[in-house]
Amino acid sequence: MSLSINTSVDAACVLVEGEVDVSNADELRNAVDAAIVLDAPEVTVDLSQVPYIDSTGIGVLVGAAHRAADAGKKLVVASPQKNVARVLGLLGVADDLNIRQ
């Protein structure tokens, strides 16, 4: 399945559509990193259209949260689907990712 990423420059929001896995994690990393450097105090990664994310994709999000914090910003993962939210919770990264339903 292909990955579609749309970034809103004004709101520092990255809308991700499709499955996130090792084959496209770099694309997600690049989009989130581009949003981190924008002049916004918060970066939102909207996962409402992501039915599956593997460990590589989760690692990208956790790394991005740390880079955002280093830049004095907050990374928020918004609206993860039930299965994705469950995996994030099981792995113990939900707090790092500031999940908002």
Protein backbone atom coordinates (compact mmCIF):
# COMPACT_ATOMS: atom_id res chain seq x y z
CA MET A 1 0.00 0.00 0.00
CA SER A 2 1.33 3.44 -0.81
CA LEU A 3 1.78 6.21 1.69
CA SER A 4 0.39 9.69 1.16
CA ILE A 5 1.64 12.60 3.22
CA ASN A 6 0.20 16.11 3.13
CA THR A 7 1.79 18.88 5.15
CA SER A 8 0.03 22.07 6.12
CA VAL A 9 2.68 24.77 6.36
CA ASP A 10 0.54 27.17 8.38
CA ALA A 11 -0.43 24.72 11.10
CA ALA A 12 2.65 22.45 11.11
CA CYS A 13 0.35 19.48 10.56
CA VAL A 14 1.37 16.29 8.78
CA LEU A 15 -1.57 14.21 7.54
CA VAL A 16 -0.52 10.62 6.87
CA GLU A 17 -2.64 8.25 4.78
CA GLY A 18 -1.88 4.56 4.28
CA GLU A 19 0.25 1.96 6.00
CA VAL A 20 3.55 3.10 7.52
CA ASP A 21 6.33 0.54 7.36
CA VAL A 22 10.03 0.17 6.69
CA SER A 23 9.51 0.79 2.96
CA ASN A 24 8.23 4.35 3.45
CA ALA A 25 9.38 5.39 6.94
CA ASP A 26 11.99 7.74 5.46
CA GLU A 27 9.22 9.65 3.69
CA LEU A 28 7.42 10.10 7.02
CA ARG A 29 10.67 11.15 8.74
CA ASN A 30 11.37 13.77 6.08
CA ALA A 31 7.85 15.22 6.27
CA VAL A 32 7.86 15.45 10.06
CA ASP A 33 11.37 16.92 10.14
CA ALA A 34 10.28 19.57 7.62
CA ALA A 35 7.34 20.45 9.88
CA ILE A 36 9.58 20.68 12.95
CA VAL A 37 11.61 23.50 11.44
CA LEU A 38 8.52 25.60 10.74
CA ASP A 39 7.75 28.55 12.99
CA ALA A 40 5.12 26.77 15.09
CA PRO A 41 5.33 25.66 18.72
CA GLU A 42 3.60 22.35 18.00
CA VAL A 43 3.80 19.76 15.23
CA THR A 44 0.77 17.51 14.74
CA VAL A 45 1.03 14.16 12.98
CA ASP A 46 -2.49 13.07 12.06
CA LEU A 47 -2.71 9.27 11.90
CA SER A 48 -6.48 9.05 11.44
CA GLN A 49 -5.98 7.47 8.00
CA VAL A 50 -3.24 5.01 9.06
CA PRO A 51 -4.56 1.48 9.66
CA TYR A 52 -1.10 0.00 10.34
CA ILE A 53 2.29 1.20 11.54
CA ASP A 54 5.31 -1.05 12.11
CA SER A 55 8.17 -0.65 14.56
CA THR A 56 10.19 1.40 12.08
CA GLY A 57 7.36 3.92 11.74
CA ILE A 58 6.94 4.08 15.49
CA GLY A 59 10.67 4.68 15.83
CA VAL A 60 10.37 7.56 13.37
CA LEU A 61 7.65 9.15 15.49
CA VAL A 62 9.55 8.71 18.76
CA GLY A 63 12.72 10.12 17.21
CA ALA A 64 10.75 13.05 15.83
CA ALA A 65 9.26 13.72 19.27
CA HIS A 66 12.78 13.93 20.69
CA ARG A 67 13.98 16.21 17.86
CA ALA A 68 10.93 18.44 18.37
CA ALA A 69 11.64 18.66 22.11
CA ASP A 70 15.27 19.55 21.36
CA ALA A 71 13.92 22.37 19.15
CA GLY A 72 11.67 23.59 21.97
CA LYS A 73 8.53 22.24 20.33
CA LYS A 74 5.93 19.62 21.06
CA LEU A 75 5.08 16.74 18.74
CA VAL A 76 1.49 15.50 18.96
CA VAL A 77 0.15 12.33 17.35
CA ALA A 78 -3.52 12.96 16.60
CA SER A 79 -6.40 10.59 16.04
CA PRO A 80 -4.64 7.25 15.72
CA GLN A 81 -6.95 4.42 14.69
CA LYS A 82 -7.81 1.91 17.41
CA ASN A 83 -5.23 -0.71 16.40
CA VAL A 84 -2.45 1.86 16.05
CA ALA A 85 -3.31 3.48 19.40
CA ARG A 86 -3.28 0.06 21.06
CA VAL A 87 0.20 -0.73 19.74
CA LEU A 88 1.52 2.67 20.82
CA GLY A 89 0.10 2.07 24.29
CA LEU A 90 1.52 -1.45 24.54
CA LEU A 91 4.97 -0.20 23.58
CA GLY A 92 4.82 2.52 26.21
CA VAL A 93 5.39 5.42 23.83
CA ALA A 94 1.96 7.04 24.11
CA ASP A 95 3.16 9.66 26.59
CA ASP A 96 6.23 10.52 24.48
CA LEU A 97 3.96 11.07 21.49
CA ASN A 98 1.36 13.24 23.29
CA ILE A 99 -1.51 11.29 21.74
CA ARG A 100 -4.75 13.15 21.20
CA GLN A 101 -7.89 11.33 20.18
